[in-house]
Amino acid sequence: MALYQWILAVIWLAGIPVGVFAFVHATLQRADAFTAADKLNKMAWVGITGAAALLLILDMRGPYGIIWIAGLVASLVYIVDVRPKLKEIQGRSW
């Protein structure tokens, strides 16, 4: 197995917990925090991260498929952009 295949396998295996974490985190936050952070509402982010997690789990092509990459990007946008704003507003540590 070539090095790039190992790297893609690691990305694939790491992507699934990232998507699940984003979905779980979005479901556990207060709805008013999303509007206070000037982001989409809670149901929108729960839907986006839930669909992304399902794509990451069910798409067997992994990082080779554009749909899988879209799921990973959606999860990472939540983690990098929305989550810090929610933490800032709510004052939670995780």
PDB file of N, CA and C in Angstrom:
ATOM      1  N   MET A   1       0.854  -1.178   0.000  1.00  0.00           N
ATOM      2  CA  MET A   1       0.000   0.000   0.000  1.00  0.00           C
ATOM      3  C   MET A   1       0.897   1.237   0.000  1.00  0.00           C
ATOM      4  N   ALA A   2       0.620   2.154  -0.887  1.00  0.00           N
ATOM      5  CA  ALA A   2       1.423   3.354  -1.030  1.00  0.00           C
ATOM      6  C   ALA A   2       1.148   4.330   0.113  1.00  0.00           C
ATOM      7  N   LEU A   3       2.079   5.255   0.302  1.00  0.00           N
ATOM      8  CA  LEU A   3       1.979   6.222   1.387  1.00  0.00           C
ATOM      9  C   LEU A   3       0.714   7.067   1.282  1.00  0.00           C
ATOM     10  N   TYR A   4       0.377   7.520   0.079  1.00  0.00           N
ATOM     11  CA  TYR A   4      -0.817   8.354  -0.058  1.00  0.00           C
ATOM     12  C   TYR A   4      -2.078   7.586   0.311  1.00  0.00           C
ATOM     13  N   GLN A   5      -2.094   6.278   0.090  1.00  0.00           N
ATOM     14  CA  GLN A   5      -3.257   5.487   0.479  1.00  0.00           C
ATOM     15  C   GLN A   5      -3.370   5.389   1.994  1.00  0.00           C
ATOM     16  N   TRP A   6      -2.254   5.295   2.680  1.00  0.00           N
ATOM     17  CA  TRP A   6      -2.271   5.294   4.146  1.00  0.00           C
ATOM     18  C   TRP A   6      -2.773   6.639   4.669  1.00  0.00           C
ATOM     19  N   ILE A   7      -2.308   7.716   4.062  1.00  0.00           N
ATOM     20  CA  ILE A   7      -2.733   9.049   4.500  1.00  0.00           C
ATOM     21  C   ILE A   7      -4.236   9.224   4.292  1.00  0.00           C
ATOM     22  N   LEU A   8      -4.733   8.809   3.146  1.00  0.00           N
ATOM     23  CA  LEU A   8      -6.173   8.919   2.889  1.00  0.00           C
ATOM     24  C   LEU A   8      -6.990   8.026   3.817  1.00  0.00           C
ATOM     25  N   ALA A   9      -6.447   6.867   4.172  1.00  0.00           N
ATOM     26  CA  ALA A   9      -7.142   5.988   5.113  1.00  0.00           C
ATOM     27  C   ALA A   9      -7.238   6.640   6.490  1.00  0.00           C
ATOM     28  N   VAL A  10      -6.169   7.306   6.917  1.00  0.00           N
ATOM     29  CA  VAL A  10      -6.184   7.998   8.213  1.00  0.00           C
ATOM     30  C   VAL A  10      -7.177   9.154   8.183  1.00  0.00           C
ATOM     31  N   ILE A  11      -7.194   9.907   7.073  1.00  0.00           N
ATOM     32  CA  ILE A  11      -8.154  11.000   6.946  1.00  0.00           C
ATOM     33  C   ILE A  11      -9.585  10.461   6.993  1.00  0.00           C
ATOM     34  N   TRP A  12      -9.805   9.346   6.316  1.00  0.00           N
ATOM     35  CA  TRP A  12     -11.137   8.743   6.301  1.00  0.00           C
ATOM     36  C   TRP A  12     -11.560   8.343   7.712  1.00  0.00           C
ATOM     37  N   LEU A  13     -10.677   7.666   8.428  1.00  0.00           N
ATOM     38  CA  LEU A  13     -11.021   7.218   9.776  1.00  0.00           C
ATOM     39  C   LEU A  13     -11.145   8.375  10.757  1.00  0.00           C
ATOM     40  N   ALA A  14     -10.405   9.440  10.546  1.00  0.00           N
ATOM     41  CA  ALA A  14     -10.500  10.603  11.433  1.00  0.00           C
ATOM     42  C   ALA A  14     -11.726  11.452  11.108  1.00  0.00           C
ATOM     43  N   GLY A  15     -12.180  11.401   9.877  1.00  0.00           N
ATOM     44  CA  GLY A  15     -13.320  12.223   9.473  1.00  0.00           C
ATOM     45  C   GLY A  15     -14.623  11.819  10.129  1.00  0.00           C
ATOM     46  N   ILE A  16     -14.804  10.554  10.352  1.00  0.00           N
ATOM     47  CA  ILE A  16     -16.063  10.074  10.934  1.00  0.00           C
ATOM     48  C   ILE A  16     -16.277  10.608  12.352  1.00  0.00           C
ATOM     49  N   PRO A  17     -15.304  10.496  13.258  1.00  0.00           N
ATOM     50  CA  PRO A  17     -15.524  11.071  14.597  1.00  0.00           C
ATOM     51  C   PRO A  17     -15.682  12.589  14.588  1.00  0.00           C
ATOM     52  N   VAL A  18     -15.033  13.259  13.647  1.00  0.00           N
ATOM     53  CA  VAL A  18     -15.183  14.710  13.534  1.00  0.00           C
ATOM     54  C   VAL A  18     -16.634  15.055  13.204  1.00  0.00           C
ATOM     55  N   GLY A  19     -17.208  14.347  12.250  1.00  0.00           N
ATOM     56  CA  GLY A  19     -18.602  14.591  11.880  1.00  0.00           C
ATOM     57  C   GLY A  19     -19.570  14.274  13.001  1.00  0.00           C
ATOM     58  N   VAL A  20     -19.345  13.190  13.686  1.00  0.00           N
ATOM     59  CA  VAL A  20     -20.219  12.808  14.803  1.00  0.00           C
ATOM     60  C   VAL A  20     -20.096  13.817  15.939  1.00  0.00           C
ATOM     61  N   PHE A  21     -18.861  14.275  16.224  1.00  0.00           N
ATOM     62  CA  PHE A  21     -18.658  15.276  17.267  1.00  0.00           C
ATOM     63  C   PHE A  21     -19.401  16.565  16.937  1.00  0.00           C
ATOM     64  N   ALA A  22     -19.302  17.021  15.693  1.00  0.00           N
ATOM     65  CA  ALA A  22     -19.983  18.257  15.298  1.00  0.00           C
ATOM     66  C   ALA A  22     -21.489  18.120  15.479  1.00  0.00           C
ATOM     67  N   PHE A  23     -22.043  16.968  15.087  1.00  0.00           N
ATOM     68  CA  PHE A  23     -23.481  16.753  15.231  1.00  0.00           C
ATOM     69  C   PHE A  23     -23.893  16.729  16.703  1.00  0.00           C
ATOM     70  N   VAL A  24     -23.182  15.990  17.512  1.00  0.00           N
ATOM     71  CA  VAL A  24     -23.526  15.899  18.936  1.00  0.00           C
ATOM     72  C   VAL A  24     -23.391  17.265  19.602  1.00  0.00           C
ATOM     73  N   HIS A  25     -22.333  17.979  19.277  1.00  0.00           N
ATOM     74  CA  HIS A  25     -22.142  19.301  19.871  1.00  0.00           C
ATOM     75  C   HIS A  25     -23.279  20.243  19.486  1.00  0.00           C
ATOM     76  N   ALA A  26     -23.681  20.208  18.224  1.00  0.00           N
ATOM     77  CA  ALA A  26     -24.770  21.089  17.774  1.00  0.00           C
ATOM     78  C   ALA A  26     -26.081  20.757  18.473  1.00  0.00           C
ATOM     79  N   THR A  27     -26.336  19.479  18.715  1.00  0.00           N
ATOM     80  CA  THR A  27     -27.600  19.103  19.361  1.00  0.00           C
ATOM     81  C   THR A  27     -27.636  19.487  20.838  1.00  0.00           C
ATOM     82  N   LEU A  28     -26.491  19.595  21.475  1.00  0.00           N
ATOM     83  CA  LEU A  28     -26.457  19.867  22.907  1.00  0.00           C
ATOM     84  C   LEU A  28     -26.419  21.359  23.259  1.00  0.00           C
ATOM     85  N   GLN A  29     -26.383  22.221  22.263  1.00  0.00           N
ATOM     86  CA  GLN A  29     -26.301  23.655  22.533  1.00  0.00           C
ATOM     87  C   GLN A  29     -27.689  24.274  22.627  1.00  0.00           C
ATOM     88  N   ARG A  30     -27.737  25.412  23.307  1.00  0.00           N
ATOM     89  CA  ARG A  30     -29.000  26.142  23.420  1.00  0.00           C
ATOM     90  C   ARG A  30     -29.354  26.778  22.085  1.00  0.00           C
ATOM     91  N   ALA A  31     -30.623  26.822  21.770  1.00  0.00           N
ATOM     92  CA  ALA A  31     -31.067  27.388  20.488  1.00  0.00           C
ATOM     93  C   ALA A  31     -30.815  28.887  20.408  1.00  0.00           C
ATOM     94  N   ASP A  32     -30.971  29.591  21.518  1.00  0.00           N
ATOM     95  CA  ASP A  32     -30.779  31.042  21.486  1.00  0.00           C
ATOM     96  C   ASP A  32     -29.321  31.434  21.301  1.00  0.00           C
ATOM     97  N   ALA A  33     -28.401  30.541  21.599  1.00  0.00           N
ATOM     98  CA  ALA A  33     -26.981  30.857  21.425  1.00  0.00           C
ATOM     99  C   ALA A  33     -26.619  30.985  19.945  1.00  0.00           C
ATOM    100  N   PHE A  34     -27.276  30.223  19.096  1.00  0.00           N
ATOM    101  CA  PHE A  34     -26.996  30.302  17.662  1.00  0.00           C
ATOM    102  C   PHE A  34     -27.405  31.663  17.106  1.00  0.00           C
ATOM    103  N   THR A  35     -28.571  32.150  17.502  1.00  0.00           N
ATOM    104  CA  THR A  35     -28.996  33.457  17.011  1.00  0.00           C
ATOM    105  C   THR A  35     -28.168  34.567  17.645  1.00  0.00           C
ATOM    106  N   ALA A  36     -27.771  34.407  18.896  1.00  0.00           N
ATOM    107  CA  ALA A  36     -26.917  35.402  19.539  1.00  0.00           C
ATOM    108  C   ALA A  36     -25.540  35.461  18.882  1.00  0.00           C
ATOM    109  N   ALA A  37     -25.080  34.339  18.355  1.00  0.00           N
ATOM    110  CA  ALA A  37     -23.785  34.291  17.670  1.00  0.00           C
ATOM    111  C   ALA A  37     -23.898  34.769  16.231  1.00  0.00           C
ATOM    112  N   ASP A  38     -25.100  35.144  15.802  1.00  0.00           N
ATOM    113  CA  ASP A  38     -25.364  35.605  14.443  1.00  0.00           C
ATOM    114  C   ASP A  38     -25.014  34.535  13.410  1.00  0.00           C
ATOM    115  N   LYS A  39     -25.427  33.303  13.718  1.00  0.00           N
ATOM    116  CA  LYS A  39     -25.241  32.164  12.817  1.00  0.00           C
ATOM    117  C   LYS A  39     -26.615  31.623  12.430  1.00  0.00           C
ATOM    118  N   LEU A  40     -26.638  30.619  11.579  1.00  0.00           N
ATOM    119  CA  LEU A  40     -27.902  29.961  11.265  1.00  0.00           C
ATOM    120  C   LEU A  40     -28.529  29.432  12.551  1.00  0.00           C
ATOM    121  N   ASN A  41     -29.822  29.161  12.528  1.00  0.00           N
ATOM    122  CA  ASN A  41     -30.466  28.674  13.747  1.00  0.00           C
ATOM    123  C   ASN A  41     -30.021  27.250  14.086  1.00  0.00           C
ATOM    124  N   LYS A  42     -30.423  26.807  15.258  1.00  0.00           N
ATOM    125  CA  LYS A  42     -29.975  25.505  15.750  1.00  0.00           C
ATOM    126  C   LYS A  42     -30.433  24.368  14.850  1.00  0.00           C
ATOM    127  N   MET A  43     -31.677  24.391  14.424  1.00  0.00           N
ATOM    128  CA  MET A  43     -32.186  23.293  13.601  1.00  0.00           C
ATOM    129  C   MET A  43     -31.435  23.193  12.277  1.00  0.00           C
ATOM    130  N   ALA A  44     -31.037  24.315  11.727  1.00  0.00           N
ATOM    131  CA  ALA A  44     -30.264  24.295  10.481  1.00  0.00           C
ATOM    132  C   ALA A  44     -28.917  23.623  10.707  1.00  0.00           C
ATOM    133  N   TRP A  45     -28.230  23.988  11.792  1.00  0.00           N
ATOM    134  CA  TRP A  45     -26.919  23.390  12.054  1.00  0.00           C
ATOM    135  C   TRP A  45     -27.029  21.932  12.461  1.00  0.00           C
ATOM    136  N   VAL A  46     -28.074  21.569  13.170  1.00  0.00           N
ATOM    137  CA  VAL A  46     -28.279  20.153  13.497  1.00  0.00           C
ATOM    138  C   VAL A  46     -28.521  19.365  12.215  1.00  0.00           C
ATOM    139  N   GLY A  47     -29.296  19.918  11.307  1.00  0.00           N
ATOM    140  CA  GLY A  47     -29.534  19.257  10.026  1.00  0.00           C
ATOM    141  C   GLY A  47     -28.269  19.154   9.187  1.00  0.00           C
ATOM    142  N   ILE A  48     -27.505  20.239   9.119  1.00  0.00           N
ATOM    143  CA  ILE A  48     -26.274  20.240   8.327  1.00  0.00           C
ATOM    144  C   ILE A  48     -25.262  19.252   8.890  1.00  0.00           C
ATOM    145  N   THR A  49     -25.033  19.309  10.188  1.00  0.00           N
ATOM    146  CA  THR A  49     -24.035  18.418  10.781  1.00  0.00           C
ATOM    147  C   THR A  49     -24.520  16.971  10.821  1.00  0.00           C
ATOM    148  N   GLY A  50     -25.831  16.771  10.975  1.00  0.00           N
ATOM    149  CA  GLY A  50     -26.367  15.408  10.940  1.00  0.00           C
ATOM    150  C   GLY A  50     -26.222  14.786   9.561  1.00  0.00           C
ATOM    151  N   ALA A  51     -26.541  15.561   8.526  1.00  0.00           N
ATOM    152  CA  ALA A  51     -26.371  15.065   7.157  1.00  0.00           C
ATOM    153  C   ALA A  51     -24.897  14.824   6.852  1.00  0.00           C
ATOM    154  N   ALA A  52     -24.053  15.713   7.331  1.00  0.00           N
ATOM    155  CA  ALA A  52     -22.615  15.544   7.111  1.00  0.00           C
ATOM    156  C   ALA A  52     -22.097  14.283   7.790  1.00  0.00           C
ATOM    157  N   ALA A  53     -22.541  14.040   9.015  1.00  0.00           N
ATOM    158  CA  ALA A  53     -22.105  12.832   9.723  1.00  0.00           C
ATOM    159  C   ALA A  53     -22.571  11.579   8.989  1.00  0.00           C
ATOM    160  N   LEU A  54     -23.804  11.587   8.502  1.00  0.00           N
ATOM    161  CA  LEU A  54     -24.293  10.438   7.742  1.00  0.00           C
ATOM    162  C   LEU A  54     -23.484  10.225   6.464  1.00  0.00           C
ATOM    163  N   LEU A  55     -23.158  11.306   5.778  1.00  0.00           N
ATOM    164  CA  LEU A  55     -22.336  11.189   4.570  1.00  0.00           C
ATOM    165  C   LEU A  55     -20.965  10.611   4.892  1.00  0.00           C
ATOM    166  N   LEU A  56     -20.380  11.064   5.978  1.00  0.00           N
ATOM    167  CA  LEU A  56     -19.056  10.576   6.356  1.00  0.00           C
ATOM    168  C   LEU A  56     -19.088   9.093   6.706  1.00  0.00           C
ATOM    169  N   ILE A  57     -20.161   8.657   7.317  1.00  0.00           N
ATOM    170  CA  ILE A  57     -20.270   7.255   7.731  1.00  0.00           C
ATOM    171  C   ILE A  57     -20.644   6.353   6.559  1.00  0.00           C
ATOM    172  N   LEU A  58     -21.576   6.796   5.723  1.00  0.00           N
ATOM    173  CA  LEU A  58     -22.140   5.911   4.710  1.00  0.00           C
ATOM    174  C   LEU A  58     -21.423   5.918   3.361  1.00  0.00           C
ATOM    175  N   ASP A  59     -20.697   6.965   3.042  1.00  0.00           N
ATOM    176  CA  ASP A  59     -20.029   7.029   1.739  1.00  0.00           C
ATOM    177  C   ASP A  59     -18.766   6.175   1.776  1.00  0.00           C
ATOM    178  N   MET A  60     -18.812   5.050   1.110  1.00  0.00           N
ATOM    179  CA  MET A  60     -17.714   4.092   1.163  1.00  0.00           C
ATOM    180  C   MET A  60     -16.494   4.496   0.330  1.00  0.00           C
ATOM    181  N   ARG A  61     -16.643   5.506  -0.511  1.00  0.00           N
ATOM    182  CA  ARG A  61     -15.490   5.955  -1.280  1.00  0.00           C
ATOM    183  C   ARG A  61     -14.536   6.764  -0.434  1.00  0.00           C
ATOM    184  N   GLY A  62     -15.011   7.252   0.693  1.00  0.00           N
ATOM    185  CA  GLY A  62     -14.173   8.027   1.590  1.00  0.00           C
ATOM    186  C   GLY A  62     -13.660   9.294   0.935  1.00  0.00           C
ATOM    187  N   PRO A  63     -12.409   9.653   1.205  1.00  0.00           N
ATOM    188  CA  PRO A  63     -11.853  10.902   0.694  1.00  0.00           C
ATOM    189  C   PRO A  63     -11.760  10.961  -0.831  1.00  0.00           C
ATOM    190  N   TYR A  64     -12.036   9.869  -1.505  1.00  0.00           N
ATOM    191  CA  TYR A  64     -12.021   9.874  -2.963  1.00  0.00           C
ATOM    192  C   TYR A  64     -13.296  10.464  -3.548  1.00  0.00           C
ATOM    193  N   GLY A  65     -14.346  10.592  -2.767  1.00  0.00           N
ATOM    194  CA  GLY A  65     -15.631  11.068  -3.265  1.00  0.00           C
ATOM    195  C   GLY A  65     -15.898  12.506  -2.877  1.00  0.00           C
ATOM    196  N   ILE A  66     -16.446  13.270  -3.791  1.00  0.00           N
ATOM    197  CA  ILE A  66     -16.738  14.680  -3.548  1.00  0.00           C
ATOM    198  C   ILE A  66     -17.819  14.850  -2.484  1.00  0.00           C
ATOM    199  N   ILE A  67     -18.740  13.918  -2.396  1.00  0.00           N
ATOM    200  CA  ILE A  67     -19.800  14.013  -1.387  1.00  0.00           C
ATOM    201  C   ILE A  67     -19.211  13.831   0.012  1.00  0.00           C
ATOM    202  N   TRP A  68     -18.268  12.919   0.152  1.00  0.00           N
ATOM    203  CA  TRP A  68     -17.610  12.704   1.444  1.00  0.00           C
ATOM    204  C   TRP A  68     -16.845  13.959   1.852  1.00  0.00           C
ATOM    205  N   ILE A  69     -16.163  14.554   0.897  1.00  0.00           N
ATOM    206  CA  ILE A  69     -15.394  15.770   1.183  1.00  0.00           C
ATOM    207  C   ILE A  69     -16.335  16.901   1.592  1.00  0.00           C
ATOM    208  N   ALA A  70     -17.484  17.004   0.948  1.00  0.00           N
ATOM    209  CA  ALA A  70     -18.465  18.029   1.320  1.00  0.00           C
ATOM    210  C   ALA A  70     -18.956  17.820   2.760  1.00  0.00           C
ATOM    211  N   GLY A  71     -19.153  16.580   3.163  1.00  0.00           N
ATOM    212  CA  GLY A  71     -19.547  16.295   4.534  1.00  0.00           C
ATOM    213  C   GLY A  71     -18.477  16.697   5.527  1.00  0.00           C
ATOM    214  N   LEU A  72     -17.229  16.420   5.183  1.00  0.00           N
ATOM    215  CA  LEU A  72     -16.121  16.799   6.067  1.00  0.00           C
ATOM    216  C   LEU A  72     -16.005  18.317   6.158  1.00  0.00           C
ATOM    217  N   VAL A  73     -16.144  19.001   5.043  1.00  0.00           N
ATOM    218  CA  VAL A  73     -16.061  20.457   5.049  1.00  0.00           C
ATOM    219  C   VAL A  73     -17.185  21.059   5.885  1.00  0.00           C
ATOM    220  N   ALA A  74     -18.389  20.552   5.759  1.00  0.00           N
ATOM    221  CA  ALA A  74     -19.510  21.061   6.551  1.00  0.00           C
ATOM    222  C   ALA A  74     -19.256  20.869   8.050  1.00  0.00           C
ATOM    223  N   SER A  75     -18.720  19.724   8.424  1.00  0.00           N
ATOM    224  CA  SER A  75     -18.416  19.473   9.837  1.00  0.00           C
ATOM    225  C   SER A  75     -17.315  20.401  10.329  1.00  0.00           C
ATOM    226  N   LEU A  76     -16.300  20.587   9.509  1.00  0.00           N
ATOM    227  CA  LEU A  76     -15.190  21.448   9.911  1.00  0.00           C
ATOM    228  C   LEU A  76     -15.603  22.916   9.983  1.00  0.00           C
ATOM    229  N   VAL A  77     -16.500  23.352   9.116  1.00  0.00           N
ATOM    230  CA  VAL A  77     -16.997  24.725   9.200  1.00  0.00           C
ATOM    231  C   VAL A  77     -17.704  24.931  10.531  1.00  0.00           C
ATOM    232  N   TYR A  78     -18.504  23.968  10.937  1.00  0.00           N
ATOM    233  CA  TYR A  78     -19.175  24.081  12.230  1.00  0.00           C
ATOM    234  C   TYR A  78     -18.146  24.153  13.356  1.00  0.00           C
ATOM    235  N   ILE A  79     -17.164  23.257  13.334  1.00  0.00           N
ATOM    236  CA  ILE A  79     -16.188  23.192  14.424  1.00  0.00           C
ATOM    237  C   ILE A  79     -15.303  24.433  14.475  1.00  0.00           C
ATOM    238  N   VAL A  80     -14.909  24.937  13.334  1.00  0.00           N
ATOM    239  CA  VAL A  80     -13.967  26.050  13.294  1.00  0.00           C
ATOM    240  C   VAL A  80     -14.654  27.411  13.390  1.00  0.00           C
ATOM    241  N   ASP A  81     -15.862  27.536  12.870  1.00  0.00           N
ATOM    242  CA  ASP A  81     -16.524  28.837  12.830  1.00  0.00           C
ATOM    243  C   ASP A  81     -17.621  28.986  13.879  1.00  0.00           C
ATOM    244  N   VAL A  82     -18.525  28.044  13.949  1.00  0.00           N
ATOM    245  CA  VAL A  82     -19.701  28.193  14.812  1.00  0.00           C
ATOM    246  C   VAL A  82     -19.379  27.848  16.265  1.00  0.00           C
ATOM    247  N   ARG A  83     -18.694  26.751  16.483  1.00  0.00           N
ATOM    248  CA  ARG A  83     -18.412  26.290  17.847  1.00  0.00           C
ATOM    249  C   ARG A  83     -17.686  27.332  18.700  1.00  0.00           C
ATOM    250  N   PRO A  84     -16.631  28.006  18.195  1.00  0.00           N
ATOM    251  CA  PRO A  84     -15.986  29.026  19.043  1.00  0.00           C
ATOM    252  C   PRO A  84     -16.917  30.174  19.429  1.00  0.00           C
ATOM    253  N   LYS A  85     -17.793  30.567  18.520  1.00  0.00           N
ATOM    254  CA  LYS A  85     -18.750  31.634  18.852  1.00  0.00           C
ATOM    255  C   LYS A  85     -19.729  31.173  19.925  1.00  0.00           C
ATOM    256  N   LEU A  86     -20.181  29.928  19.830  1.00  0.00           N
ATOM    257  CA  LEU A  86     -21.086  29.401  20.844  1.00  0.00           C
ATOM    258  C   LEU A  86     -20.397  29.314  22.197  1.00  0.00           C
ATOM    259  N   LYS A  87     -19.143  28.879  22.192  1.00  0.00           N
ATOM    260  CA  LYS A  87     -18.394  28.812  23.454  1.00  0.00           C
ATOM    261  C   LYS A  87     -18.229  30.202  24.060  1.00  0.00           C
ATOM    262  N   GLU A  88     -17.976  31.176  23.216  1.00  0.00           N
ATOM    263  CA  GLU A  88     -17.802  32.548  23.690  1.00  0.00           C
ATOM    264  C   GLU A  88     -19.086  33.074  24.325  1.00  0.00           C
ATOM    265  N   ILE A  89     -20.215  32.796  23.720  1.00  0.00           N
ATOM    266  CA  ILE A  89     -21.496  33.287  24.222  1.00  0.00           C
ATOM    267  C   ILE A  89     -21.938  32.532  25.473  1.00  0.00           C
ATOM    268  N   GLN A  90     -21.781  31.207  25.455  1.00  0.00           N
ATOM    269  CA  GLN A  90     -22.283  30.394  26.566  1.00  0.00           C
ATOM    270  C   GLN A  90     -21.282  30.260  27.703  1.00  0.00           C
ATOM    271  N   GLY A  91     -20.007  30.478  27.423  1.00  0.00           N
ATOM    272  CA  GLY A  91     -18.997  30.360  28.463  1.00  0.00           C
ATOM    273  C   GLY A  91     -18.695  28.936  28.851  1.00  0.00           C
ATOM    274  N   ARG A  92     -18.933  27.994  27.928  1.00  0.00           N
ATOM    275  CA  ARG A  92     -18.646  26.578  28.218  1.00  0.00           C
ATOM    276  C   ARG A  92     -17.260  26.233  27.749  1.00  0.00           C
ATOM    277  N   SER A  93     -16.691  25.210  28.350  1.00  0.00           N
ATOM    278  CA  SER A  93     -15.319  24.850  28.026  1.00  0.00           C
ATOM    279  C   SER A  93     -15.202  23.885  26.859  1.00  0.00           C
ATOM    280  N   TRP A  94     -16.200  23.072  26.573  1.00  0.00           N
ATOM    281  CA  TRP A  94     -16.014  22.072  25.489  1.00  0.00           C
ATOM    282  C   TRP A  94     -16.791  22.507  24.306  1.00  0.00           C
TER     283      TRP A  94
END
